[in-house]
Amino acid sequence: MSDDEPASSHPTVATGTGSRARSPSPATRTVPLALVFSAPERISASAAWGESEMHLSENEGIEGMRFAVTGGQGFVGSALCLELLRRGAREVRSLDLRASSPWSDQLLDAGVRFFQGDVRKKEDVDKTLRGVDCVFHLASYGMSGKEMVQTGRADEVNINGTCNVLDACHEHGVRRLVYVSTYNVVFGGEPIVNGNEALPYFPVEDHVDAYARSKSIAEQLVLKSNGRQTKSDKSSRLYTCSIRPAAIYGPGEERHLPRILSLAKLGLAFFKIGDPNVKSDWVYVDNLVLALILSSMGLLDDIPDRKGIPVAAGQAYFICDGSPVNTFEFLSPLFQSLDYTVPRVRMDTSIALAISRFFVFMYTLLYPWLDSKWIPQPLLLPAEVYKVGVTHYFSYLKAREEIGYVPMVSPREGLAATVSYWQERKRKELDGPTIFPWLFATIGMLALFSAAYLPPVGPLKWVLDLSLFVFRSKLVIRLVFVIASALHVGEAVYAWFLAKKYDPRNATGWFWQTFMLGFFSLRYLLKRVRG
């Protein structure tokens, strides 16, 4: 991956005949790129700033101002809060449903004011937004996993919550609102090559997930509210814009990478989906925060030569690193650095879609219990298949020209930081084998126990017959079970003493995991001790 300039702003969209095309088509038209993705040097921020329509200081519209960030305890929200304070914000408020997050201590130390509340509750939003100058609306629901199937809650948070934010801005005289949207307001499974903001919204009724549909509706509400007079001061107006980020990554990202890597750790990341030439965008968290800051400046109505009309008012911007890449190629260094098996078998997009629709069906049946922790995350859902299996990438040229956005962190730098974070995290956590040794050890010990001590009733008779075929007598079966159990106990005790010395925070975990798995677990502890 290289540090790149934005591509030409001319979009191309591949469409099928009849029903919508759901997989990459060989007939996809590609506009020749004036700027090929191989530029050896990153464009400097100052160069791009000089070409933009704004000529402001780094902290313009931030110093001495009050800000509110919905979803402020999340991955992007926390980084944004800290950057606002670093640039001289007078006050930063965080509205979040969570009482705490991995970034809470850092936010508190920096001086962020916490407002625990729900964007679905008007009183919580009013309390947070009263008296602020600018709002960043990041709070959302349904981006990945089980949440994508929970249509009702996605609508409540993403649509109703946004309406509450808009109403509070109008009520309390807020002048600037930056909304964080998604690529999926225009993407729904049809290939898009080098797209730009001129693309129409994807029909809301054709979206395969509630998140994209509700975010599309919410973005349109936000942009249509641009220029609305505030209730408290008829001479002032609310100016709004929308940021459409690519898939977000970076140290501590909570949505995409943890789910992908948890599957890889279990040995369940078997397949690469789609053609190897499929490409999509990513955006590093610091680059996204920069875009959010710049867009808030773009809503200032006192910029010279703008005649009181903010450059970003009513506008949407695609934000990415500018280096489209195949998802599995992008993730491969991360897999390798963690000693996880890189997916090698390629699965056609149509097959992946069929599998994902089965999961939608199953999880729809489980809808009332989806909040329960005992229900695991689905392996795959349709929107995720499109994300990795269908080409869609966009130009950030409009953001560069109008608000001065240029990625400050290259994909290589961003991925290196992400890899370092996950390596350190793995060193601190309990390590272990894939799901297959778990199944082998657990089922094997249960089978030995049932054959040795339980009456041969129903299916247990088959277990006994198989055990007798292998071990010849019930006495031998019992001896094997006792010896295996003793070995597991001995290995578990040894693992506990070893972990107390070399990995004390996980000593209890090493004991129980080794008790269940025996040497399958112990070898990971021995590797950690040697390493």
Protein backbone atom coordinates (compact mmCIF):
# COMPACT_ATOMS: atom_id res chain seq x y z
CA MET A 1 0.00 0.00 0.00
CA SER A 2 1.24 3.47 -0.81
CA ASP A 3 0.50 6.99 0.33
CA ASP A 4 -1.79 8.36 -2.34
CA GLU A 5 -3.46 11.41 -3.73
CA PRO A 6 -7.23 11.39 -4.19
CA ALA A 7 -8.42 9.95 -7.45
CA SER A 8 -10.45 11.80 -10.04
CA SER A 9 -13.91 12.75 -8.89
CA HIS A 10 -15.85 11.11 -11.73
CA PRO A 11 -17.91 8.20 -10.36
CA THR A 12 -18.90 5.05 -12.17
CA VAL A 13 -21.67 2.71 -11.13
CA ALA A 14 -22.22 -0.75 -12.56
CA THR A 15 -25.85 -1.76 -12.85
CA GLY A 16 -27.50 -4.96 -13.81
CA THR A 17 -30.57 -5.41 -15.97
CA GLY A 18 -33.84 -6.31 -14.34
CA SER A 19 -33.03 -6.86 -10.67
CA ARG A 20 -30.14 -5.07 -9.03
CA ALA A 21 -26.69 -6.51 -9.62
CA ARG A 22 -25.43 -8.10 -6.41
CA SER A 23 -21.93 -9.14 -7.39
CA PRO A 24 -19.05 -7.62 -9.35
CA SER A 25 -19.79 -7.57 -13.03
CA PRO A 26 -17.21 -7.89 -15.79
CA ALA A 27 -19.09 -5.10 -17.53
CA THR A 28 -18.27 -2.61 -14.80
CA ARG A 29 -17.01 0.60 -16.41
CA THR A 30 -13.98 2.23 -14.87
CA VAL A 31 -13.15 5.86 -15.44
CA PRO A 32 -9.43 6.25 -16.22
CA LEU A 33 -7.79 7.63 -13.11
CA ALA A 34 -5.90 10.86 -13.60
CA LEU A 35 -4.10 10.12 -10.35
CA VAL A 36 -3.04 6.49 -10.17
CA PHE A 37 -2.78 4.84 -6.75
CA SER A 38 0.98 4.61 -6.72
CA ALA A 39 2.10 8.10 -5.74
CA PRO A 40 5.33 7.75 -3.78
CA GLU A 41 4.82 10.81 -1.60
CA ARG A 42 1.88 11.89 0.53
CA ILE A 43 0.45 15.33 -0.26
CA SER A 44 1.31 17.70 2.54
CA ALA A 45 -1.54 19.14 4.58
CA SER A 46 -0.38 22.67 3.91
CA ALA A 47 -0.44 22.12 0.17
CA ALA A 48 -3.99 20.81 0.23
CA TRP A 49 -5.05 23.56 2.64
CA GLY A 50 -3.79 26.17 0.22
CA GLU A 51 -5.93 24.66 -2.54
CA SER A 52 -9.09 24.46 -0.43
CA GLU A 53 -11.79 27.10 -0.21
CA MET A 54 -10.94 27.83 3.44
CA HIS A 55 -7.92 29.73 4.69
CA LEU A 56 -8.12 29.35 8.45
CA SER A 57 -5.86 28.70 11.36
CA GLU A 58 -5.54 25.18 12.76
CA ASN A 59 -7.82 25.98 15.71
CA GLU A 60 -10.33 28.26 13.99
CA GLY A 61 -13.80 27.79 15.42
CA ILE A 62 -12.48 25.57 18.22
CA GLU A 63 -10.62 27.79 20.69
CA GLY A 64 -12.95 29.03 23.41
CA MET A 65 -15.95 27.11 22.02
CA ARG A 66 -18.21 24.52 23.63
CA PHE A 67 -18.72 21.19 21.88
CA ALA A 68 -20.95 18.16 22.34
CA VAL A 69 -20.09 14.73 20.95
CA THR A 70 -22.79 12.06 20.91
CA GLY A 71 -21.18 8.65 21.20
CA GLY A 72 -18.26 10.42 22.85
CA GLN A 73 -17.03 7.34 24.71
CA GLY A 74 -16.69 5.30 21.55
CA PHE A 75 -13.57 4.70 19.50
CA VAL A 76 -13.89 7.70 17.18
CA GLY A 77 -15.81 9.86 19.66
CA SER A 78 -13.13 9.64 22.33
CA ALA A 79 -10.37 10.51 19.85
CA LEU A 80 -12.43 13.49 18.66
CA CYS A 81 -13.05 14.73 22.21
CA LEU A 82 -9.34 14.63 23.00
CA GLU A 83 -8.40 16.41 19.78
CA LEU A 84 -10.94 19.19 20.40
CA LEU A 85 -9.46 19.81 23.83
CA ARG A 86 -5.93 19.70 22.44
CA ARG A 87 -6.90 22.45 20.00
CA GLY A 88 -8.19 24.70 22.75
CA ALA A 89 -11.90 23.95 23.11
CA ARG A 90 -13.38 25.62 26.18
CA GLU A 91 -15.58 22.62 26.99
CA VAL A 92 -16.25 19.22 25.46
CA ARG A 93 -19.29 17.19 26.49
CA SER A 94 -19.73 13.49 25.78
CA LEU A 95 -23.21 11.98 25.54
CA ASP A 96 -23.04 8.21 25.66
CA LEU A 97 -25.24 5.35 26.81
CA ARG A 98 -22.25 3.75 28.50
CA ALA A 99 -21.13 4.79 31.95
CA SER A 100 -17.55 3.90 31.07
CA SER A 101 -15.39 2.69 28.21
CA PRO A 102 -11.72 1.83 27.63
CA TRP A 103 -11.08 5.56 27.13
CA SER A 104 -13.01 6.90 30.14
CA ASP A 105 -10.00 7.57 32.37
CA GLN A 106 -8.14 9.36 29.61
CA LEU A 107 -11.19 11.48 28.79
CA LEU A 108 -11.76 12.39 32.43
CA ASP A 109 -8.11 13.32 32.88
CA ALA A 110 -8.33 15.55 29.81
CA GLY A 111 -11.39 17.34 31.19
CA VAL A 112 -14.24 15.90 29.11
CA ARG A 113 -17.63 16.25 30.80
CA PHE A 114 -19.63 13.02 30.80
CA PHE A 115 -23.37 13.01 30.22
CA GLN A 116 -24.65 9.45 30.49
CA GLY A 117 -27.82 9.28 28.47
CA ASP A 118 -29.66 8.01 25.42
CA VAL A 119 -30.13 9.92 22.16
CA ARG A 120 -33.58 8.33 22.00
CA LYS A 121 -34.57 10.38 25.06
CA LYS A 122 -35.19 14.02 24.24
CA GLU A 123 -34.44 15.18 27.80
CA ASP A 124 -30.97 13.58 27.71
CA VAL A 125 -30.15 15.26 24.41
CA ASP A 126 -31.50 18.64 25.57
CA LYS A 127 -29.42 18.55 28.74
CA THR A 128 -26.23 17.80 26.81
CA LEU A 129 -26.68 20.25 23.94
CA ARG A 130 -27.88 23.26 25.92
CA GLY A 131 -25.34 26.06 25.53
CA VAL A 132 -22.94 24.40 23.07
CA ASP A 133 -21.66 25.97 19.87
CA CYS A 134 -21.14 22.84 17.77
CA VAL A 135 -22.39 19.25 17.84
CA PHE A 136 -20.75 16.14 16.41
CA HIS A 137 -23.42 13.45 16.10
CA LEU A 138 -21.65 10.08 16.12
CA ALA A 139 -24.03 7.93 18.18
CA SER A 140 -25.53 5.11 16.12
CA TYR A 141 -26.68 1.51 16.31
CA GLY A 142 -26.60 -1.53 14.03
CA MET A 143 -23.20 -1.25 12.36
CA SER A 144 -22.17 -4.89 12.72
CA GLY A 145 -23.05 -8.31 14.09
CA LYS A 146 -26.35 -9.02 15.85
CA GLU A 147 -27.16 -5.30 15.87
CA MET A 148 -27.65 -5.38 12.10
CA VAL A 149 -30.71 -7.61 12.51
CA GLN A 150 -32.33 -5.44 15.20
CA THR A 151 -34.32 -3.18 12.89
CA GLY A 152 -36.49 -1.51 15.50
CA ARG A 153 -33.63 -0.32 17.67
CA ALA A 154 -31.61 0.86 14.67
CA ASP A 155 -34.52 3.07 13.62
CA GLU A 156 -35.01 4.38 17.15
CA VAL A 157 -31.36 5.34 17.60
CA ASN A 158 -30.37 6.39 14.10
CA ILE A 159 -33.55 8.15 12.99
CA ASN A 160 -35.41 9.18 16.15
CA GLY A 161 -32.15 9.97 17.93
CA THR A 162 -31.06 12.21 15.06
CA CYS A 163 -34.42 13.99 15.13
CA ASN A 164 -33.88 14.66 18.84
CA VAL A 165 -30.45 16.11 18.10
CA LEU A 166 -31.85 18.34 15.34
CA ASP A 167 -34.68 19.54 17.59
CA ALA A 168 -32.27 20.31 20.42
CA CYS A 169 -29.98 22.25 18.07
CA HIS A 170 -32.97 24.30 16.92
CA GLU A 171 -34.21 24.83 20.47
CA HIS A 172 -30.89 25.88 21.98
CA GLY A 173 -29.42 27.91 19.15
CA VAL A 174 -26.63 25.53 18.13
CA ARG A 175 -24.93 26.92 15.03
CA ARG A 176 -23.03 23.89 13.70
CA LEU A 177 -23.89 20.18 13.40
CA VAL A 178 -21.56 17.57 11.88
CA TYR A 179 -23.22 14.21 11.24
CA VAL A 180 -21.24 10.98 10.86
CA SER A 181 -22.90 8.89 8.16
CA THR A 182 -21.69 5.90 6.12
CA TYR A 183 -20.62 4.92 2.60
CA ASN A 184 -23.72 2.76 2.52
CA VAL A 185 -26.08 5.66 1.94
CA VAL A 186 -25.08 5.33 -1.74
CA PHE A 187 -23.71 1.78 -1.78
CA GLY A 188 -25.97 -1.24 -1.65
CA GLY A 189 -24.25 -4.04 -3.52
CA GLU A 190 -23.56 -2.55 -6.94
CA PRO A 191 -19.89 -1.94 -7.83
CA ILE A 192 -18.79 1.69 -7.55
CA VAL A 193 -15.40 2.71 -8.88
CA ASN A 194 -13.98 6.06 -7.87
CA GLY A 195 -17.36 7.38 -6.77
CA ASN A 196 -18.09 10.88 -5.59
CA GLU A 197 -20.81 12.88 -3.86
CA ALA A 198 -22.81 13.30 -7.08
CA LEU A 199 -24.03 9.71 -6.75
CA PRO A 200 -27.72 9.43 -5.77
CA TYR A 201 -28.86 7.79 -2.57
CA PHE A 202 -29.32 4.04 -2.83
CA PRO A 203 -33.08 3.33 -2.64
CA VAL A 204 -33.89 2.93 1.04
CA GLU A 205 -36.28 0.06 0.40
CA ASP A 206 -33.50 -1.96 -1.28
CA HIS A 207 -30.99 -1.87 1.58
CA VAL A 208 -30.26 -5.30 3.06
CA ASP A 209 -29.71 -4.00 6.59
CA ALA A 210 -31.44 -1.57 8.91
CA TYR A 211 -28.25 0.34 9.65
CA ALA A 212 -27.68 1.58 6.10
CA ARG A 213 -31.36 2.35 5.56
CA SER A 214 -31.75 4.29 8.80
CA LYS A 215 -28.47 6.16 8.36
CA SER A 216 -29.54 7.20 4.87
CA ILE A 217 -32.81 8.60 6.18
CA ALA A 218 -31.03 10.35 9.05
CA GLU A 219 -28.42 11.94 6.78
CA GLN A 220 -31.11 13.34 4.52
CA LEU A 221 -32.89 14.81 7.54
CA VAL A 222 -29.66 16.43 8.70
CA LEU A 223 -28.81 17.95 5.33
CA LYS A 224 -32.35 19.20 4.77
CA SER A 225 -32.16 20.97 8.13
CA ASN A 226 -29.23 23.05 6.93
CA GLY A 227 -29.94 26.77 7.13
CA ARG A 228 -32.86 26.37 9.53
CA GLN A 229 -33.38 29.39 11.80
CA THR A 230 -32.76 28.71 15.46
CA LYS A 231 -35.63 29.18 17.88
CA SER A 232 -33.72 31.24 20.42
CA ASP A 233 -32.26 33.67 17.88
CA LYS A 234 -34.02 34.28 14.58
CA SER A 235 -30.92 35.98 13.19
CA SER A 236 -28.82 32.82 13.52
CA ARG A 237 -29.07 29.57 11.60
CA LEU A 238 -28.10 25.94 12.06
CA TYR A 239 -25.57 24.81 9.47
CA THR A 240 -25.14 21.09 8.90
CA CYS A 241 -22.94 18.72 6.94
CA SER A 242 -22.36 14.98 6.73
CA ILE A 243 -19.17 12.94 6.80
CA ARG A 244 -19.31 9.54 5.09
CA PRO A 245 -16.36 7.50 6.36
CA ALA A 246 -14.99 4.29 4.92
CA ALA A 247 -14.44 1.26 7.17
CA ILE A 248 -12.64 2.63 10.23
CA TYR A 249 -9.51 1.06 11.70
CA GLY A 250 -6.86 1.86 14.25
CA PRO A 251 -5.65 0.86 17.73
CA GLY A 252 -8.68 0.09 19.88
CA GLU A 253 -11.30 -0.05 17.11
CA GLU A 254 -14.39 -1.78 18.54
CA ARG A 255 -16.52 -2.96 15.62
CA HIS A 256 -14.84 -4.61 12.66
CA LEU A 257 -11.45 -5.91 13.74
CA PRO A 258 -12.41 -7.53 17.08
CA ARG A 259 -15.09 -9.60 15.37
CA ILE A 260 -12.86 -10.60 12.47
CA LEU A 261 -9.95 -11.48 14.73
CA SER A 262 -12.11 -13.44 17.17
CA LEU A 263 -13.17 -15.66 14.26
CA ALA A 264 -9.55 -15.99 13.17
CA LYS A 265 -8.48 -16.93 16.70
CA LEU A 266 -11.08 -19.70 16.73
CA GLY A 267 -9.86 -20.91 13.35
CA LEU A 268 -13.15 -20.01 11.68
CA ALA A 269 -11.83 -17.49 9.15
CA PHE A 270 -11.78 -20.03 6.35
CA PHE A 271 -12.66 -18.09 3.24
CA LYS A 272 -11.82 -15.07 1.18
CA ILE A 273 -15.03 -13.72 -0.27
CA GLY A 274 -15.21 -12.41 -3.82
CA ASP A 275 -12.72 -11.83 -6.60
CA PRO A 276 -9.13 -10.93 -5.61
CA ASN A 277 -9.47 -7.72 -7.64
CA VAL A 278 -12.32 -6.44 -5.44
CA LYS A 279 -11.28 -3.24 -3.67
CA SER A 280 -12.75 -1.00 -1.00
CA ASP A 281 -11.70 1.92 1.18
CA TRP A 282 -10.49 2.15 4.76
CA VAL A 283 -9.90 5.19 6.92
CA TYR A 284 -7.54 5.48 9.88
CA VAL A 285 -9.11 6.98 12.99
CA ASP A 286 -6.81 10.02 13.09
CA ASN A 287 -7.64 10.85 9.48
CA LEU A 288 -11.35 10.65 10.23
CA VAL A 289 -10.99 12.90 13.29
CA LEU A 290 -9.11 15.40 11.12
CA ALA A 291 -11.98 15.37 8.61
CA LEU A 292 -14.52 15.95 11.38
CA ILE A 293 -12.54 18.91 12.71
CA LEU A 294 -12.18 20.42 9.25
CA SER A 295 -15.86 19.96 8.44
CA SER A 296 -16.81 21.81 11.63
CA MET A 297 -14.61 24.69 10.48
CA GLY A 298 -16.33 24.51 7.13
CA LEU A 299 -19.61 25.37 8.85
CA LEU A 300 -18.34 28.72 10.15
CA ASP A 301 -20.34 31.56 8.60
CA ASP A 302 -17.73 34.29 8.99
CA ILE A 303 -15.16 33.03 6.50
CA PRO A 304 -13.88 35.85 4.24
CA ASP A 305 -15.22 35.91 0.66
CA ARG A 306 -18.01 33.44 1.50
CA LYS A 307 -20.72 36.12 2.02
CA GLY A 308 -21.93 34.43 5.18
CA ILE A 309 -22.52 31.06 3.50
CA PRO A 310 -20.34 28.31 5.02
CA VAL A 311 -18.48 26.24 2.45
CA ALA A 312 -19.59 22.92 3.99
CA ALA A 313 -23.19 23.91 4.69
CA GLY A 314 -25.59 21.25 3.41
CA GLN A 315 -22.75 19.17 1.98
CA ALA A 316 -21.73 15.52 2.29
CA TYR A 317 -18.13 14.31 2.07
CA PHE A 318 -16.59 10.89 1.49
CA ILE A 319 -13.61 10.38 3.78
CA CYS A 320 -10.99 7.66 3.32
CA ASP A 321 -7.24 7.05 3.29
CA GLY A 322 -7.25 7.26 -0.50
CA SER A 323 -5.78 3.79 -1.07
CA PRO A 324 -8.46 1.26 -2.06
CA VAL A 325 -7.34 -2.28 -1.38
CA ASN A 326 -8.74 -5.79 -1.20
CA THR A 327 -10.00 -6.37 2.33
CA PHE A 328 -8.22 -9.70 2.77
CA GLU A 329 -4.98 -8.28 1.41
CA PHE A 330 -5.33 -5.38 3.86
CA LEU A 331 -5.90 -7.70 6.83
CA SER A 332 -3.27 -10.29 5.91
CA PRO A 333 -0.35 -8.57 7.76
CA LEU A 334 -2.50 -8.36 10.88
CA PHE A 335 -3.39 -12.07 10.72
CA GLN A 336 0.24 -13.04 10.19
CA SER A 337 1.52 -10.84 13.03
CA LEU A 338 -0.84 -12.62 15.45
CA ASP A 339 -0.01 -16.12 14.15
CA TYR A 340 -3.53 -16.60 12.82
CA THR A 341 -4.14 -18.57 9.65
CA VAL A 342 -4.71 -16.28 6.68
CA PRO A 343 -7.84 -17.30 4.72
CA ARG A 344 -6.78 -19.04 1.52
CA VAL A 345 -9.91 -20.65 0.07
CA ARG A 346 -11.91 -18.27 -2.11
CA MET A 347 -15.70 -18.25 -1.90
CA ASP A 348 -17.90 -16.79 -4.61
CA THR A 349 -19.94 -13.78 -3.53
CA SER A 350 -23.22 -15.47 -4.48
CA ILE A 351 -22.48 -18.44 -2.21
CA ALA A 352 -21.49 -16.13 0.65
CA LEU A 353 -24.75 -14.23 0.18
CA ALA A 354 -26.77 -17.43 0.40
CA ILE A 355 -25.01 -18.36 3.65
CA SER A 356 -25.47 -14.87 5.05
CA ARG A 357 -29.21 -14.93 4.33
CA PHE A 358 -29.48 -18.15 6.28
CA PHE A 359 -27.95 -16.35 9.27
CA VAL A 360 -30.41 -13.48 8.82
CA PHE A 361 -33.27 -15.99 8.92
CA MET A 362 -31.93 -17.72 12.03
CA TYR A 363 -31.20 -14.52 13.91
CA THR A 364 -34.57 -13.07 12.99
CA LEU A 365 -36.16 -16.07 14.72
CA LEU A 366 -34.00 -15.29 17.77
CA TYR A 367 -34.87 -11.58 17.67
CA PRO A 368 -36.37 -11.36 21.20
CA TRP A 369 -33.17 -12.76 22.72
CA LEU A 370 -30.49 -11.08 20.61
CA ASP A 371 -29.31 -8.94 23.52
CA SER A 372 -28.46 -12.08 25.47
CA LYS A 373 -24.75 -12.81 25.75
CA TRP A 374 -25.29 -16.52 25.20
CA ILE A 375 -26.24 -15.90 21.56
CA PRO A 376 -22.97 -15.59 19.59
CA GLN A 377 -22.36 -13.14 16.80
CA PRO A 378 -23.48 -14.35 13.35
CA LEU A 379 -20.71 -15.65 11.16
CA LEU A 380 -21.77 -13.53 8.19
CA LEU A 381 -24.53 -11.11 7.13
CA PRO A 382 -25.44 -9.77 3.65
CA ALA A 383 -24.19 -6.22 4.18
CA GLU A 384 -20.84 -7.64 5.27
CA VAL A 385 -20.64 -9.80 2.15
CA TYR A 386 -21.16 -6.73 -0.03
CA LYS A 387 -18.57 -4.83 2.00
CA VAL A 388 -15.78 -7.31 1.29
CA GLY A 389 -17.02 -8.96 -1.91
CA VAL A 390 -18.08 -6.02 -4.11
CA THR A 391 -15.79 -3.23 -5.30
CA HIS A 392 -16.74 0.19 -3.93
CA TYR A 393 -14.34 3.02 -3.35
CA PHE A 394 -14.64 6.77 -3.50
CA SER A 395 -12.65 9.93 -4.10
CA TYR A 396 -12.07 12.45 -1.31
CA LEU A 397 -11.41 15.20 -3.88
CA LYS A 398 -14.44 17.26 -2.81
CA ALA A 399 -13.35 17.17 0.83
CA ARG A 400 -9.86 18.20 -0.21
CA GLU A 401 -11.03 21.11 -2.34
CA GLU A 402 -13.70 22.45 0.02
CA ILE A 403 -12.47 21.79 3.55
CA GLY A 404 -8.79 20.99 3.00
CA TYR A 405 -8.86 17.31 3.96
CA VAL A 406 -5.77 15.26 3.17
CA PRO A 407 -4.96 12.04 5.08
CA MET A 408 -2.19 12.74 7.57
CA VAL A 409 -1.55 9.07 8.38
CA SER A 410 -0.72 6.71 5.53
CA PRO A 411 -2.28 3.22 5.34
CA ARG A 412 1.15 1.73 6.02
CA GLU A 413 1.59 3.82 9.17
CA GLY A 414 -1.98 3.21 10.30
CA LEU A 415 -1.79 -0.53 9.83
CA ALA A 416 1.58 -0.67 11.62
CA ALA A 417 0.06 1.08 14.64
CA THR A 418 -2.93 -1.25 14.54
CA VAL A 419 -0.73 -4.35 14.34
CA SER A 420 1.35 -3.15 17.31
CA TYR A 421 -1.80 -2.60 19.35
CA TRP A 422 -3.16 -6.08 18.65
CA GLN A 423 0.20 -7.74 19.32
CA GLU A 424 0.40 -6.02 22.70
CA ARG A 425 -3.20 -6.91 23.44
CA LYS A 426 -2.56 -10.56 22.61
CA ARG A 427 0.45 -10.59 24.94
CA LYS A 428 -1.74 -9.40 27.80
CA GLU A 429 -4.67 -11.76 27.20
CA LEU A 430 -5.13 -15.47 27.72
CA ASP A 431 -3.99 -17.20 24.56
CA GLY A 432 -5.18 -20.54 23.32
CA PRO A 433 -5.91 -22.89 20.43
CA THR A 434 -8.63 -22.76 17.81
CA ILE A 435 -12.08 -24.22 18.36
CA PHE A 436 -11.08 -27.63 17.01
CA PRO A 437 -8.88 -28.74 19.96
CA TRP A 438 -11.68 -27.52 22.22
CA LEU A 439 -14.15 -29.78 20.43
CA PHE A 440 -11.73 -32.72 20.36
CA ALA A 441 -10.76 -32.51 24.04
CA THR A 442 -14.25 -31.75 25.38
CA ILE A 443 -16.12 -34.32 23.31
CA GLY A 444 -13.37 -36.90 23.85
CA MET A 445 -13.43 -36.62 27.66
CA LEU A 446 -17.24 -36.64 27.76
CA ALA A 447 -17.31 -39.71 25.53
CA LEU A 448 -14.79 -41.54 27.74
CA PHE A 449 -16.74 -40.66 30.88
CA SER A 450 -20.08 -41.77 29.45
CA ALA A 451 -18.60 -45.02 28.12
CA ALA A 452 -16.86 -45.74 31.43
CA TYR A 453 -19.59 -44.92 33.94
CA LEU A 454 -22.99 -44.23 32.38
CA PRO A 455 -25.57 -46.86 31.40
CA PRO A 456 -25.64 -47.51 27.64
CA VAL A 457 -29.03 -45.91 26.96
CA GLY A 458 -29.98 -44.46 23.57
CA PRO A 459 -27.06 -42.77 21.79
CA LEU A 460 -24.73 -43.67 24.68
CA LYS A 461 -24.80 -47.27 23.45
CA TRP A 462 -23.12 -46.13 20.24
CA VAL A 463 -20.49 -44.29 22.28
CA LEU A 464 -19.83 -47.42 24.34
CA ASP A 465 -19.64 -49.63 21.25
CA LEU A 466 -17.12 -47.29 19.61
CA SER A 467 -15.06 -47.09 22.80
CA LEU A 468 -15.03 -50.89 23.14
CA PHE A 469 -13.94 -51.18 19.51
CA VAL A 470 -10.94 -48.95 20.29
CA PHE A 471 -10.05 -50.01 23.86
CA ARG A 472 -11.46 -53.59 23.89
CA SER A 473 -12.78 -53.60 27.47
CA LYS A 474 -14.64 -51.35 29.88
CA LEU A 475 -11.80 -51.66 32.39
CA VAL A 476 -9.36 -50.20 29.87
CA ILE A 477 -11.83 -47.40 29.08
CA ARG A 478 -12.00 -46.49 32.78
CA LEU A 479 -8.23 -46.62 33.13
CA VAL A 480 -7.79 -44.35 30.10
CA PHE A 481 -10.34 -41.88 31.50
CA VAL A 482 -8.68 -41.81 34.95
CA ILE A 483 -5.20 -41.38 33.47
CA ALA A 484 -6.40 -38.64 31.09
CA SER A 485 -8.17 -36.83 33.95
CA ALA A 486 -5.09 -37.06 36.15
CA LEU A 487 -2.93 -35.68 33.35
CA HIS A 488 -5.33 -32.77 32.83
CA VAL A 489 -5.33 -31.96 36.54
CA GLY A 490 -1.54 -32.20 36.74
CA GLU A 491 -1.06 -30.03 33.66
CA ALA A 492 -3.56 -27.49 35.00
CA VAL A 493 -1.75 -27.21 38.34
CA TYR A 494 1.60 -26.88 36.56
CA ALA A 495 0.10 -24.20 34.27
CA TRP A 496 -1.18 -22.28 37.30
CA PHE A 497 2.22 -22.24 39.04
CA LEU A 498 3.97 -21.31 35.78
CA ALA A 499 1.48 -18.55 35.02
CA LYS A 500 1.76 -17.12 38.55
CA LYS A 501 5.39 -16.40 37.72
CA TYR A 502 5.22 -15.35 34.07
CA ASP A 503 1.61 -14.24 33.45
CA PRO A 504 0.00 -13.63 36.86
CA ARG A 505 -2.98 -11.66 35.59
CA ASN A 506 -4.16 -14.70 33.61
CA ALA A 507 -3.11 -17.46 36.05
CA THR A 508 -6.67 -18.54 36.85
CA GLY A 509 -7.59 -18.57 33.18
CA TRP A 510 -4.56 -20.70 32.33
CA PHE A 511 -5.53 -23.17 35.07
CA TRP A 512 -9.08 -23.72 33.84
CA GLN A 513 -8.22 -23.70 30.15
CA THR A 514 -5.45 -26.26 30.70
CA PHE A 515 -7.75 -28.33 32.91
CA MET A 516 -10.16 -28.55 29.96
CA LEU A 517 -7.65 -28.90 27.13
CA GLY A 518 -4.51 -30.36 28.65
CA PHE A 519 -1.42 -29.94 26.51
CA PHE A 520 -3.42 -28.16 23.78
CA SER A 521 -3.50 -25.21 26.19
CA LEU A 522 -0.22 -25.77 28.02
CA ARG A 523 1.87 -25.44 24.88
CA TYR A 524 0.60 -21.87 24.39
CA LEU A 525 1.69 -20.98 27.92
CA LEU A 526 5.10 -22.58 27.37
CA LYS A 527 5.46 -20.58 24.17
CA ARG A 528 4.68 -17.38 26.08
CA VAL A 529 7.24 -18.27 28.76
CA ARG A 530 9.93 -18.91 26.15
CA GLY A 531 9.01 -15.76 24.22
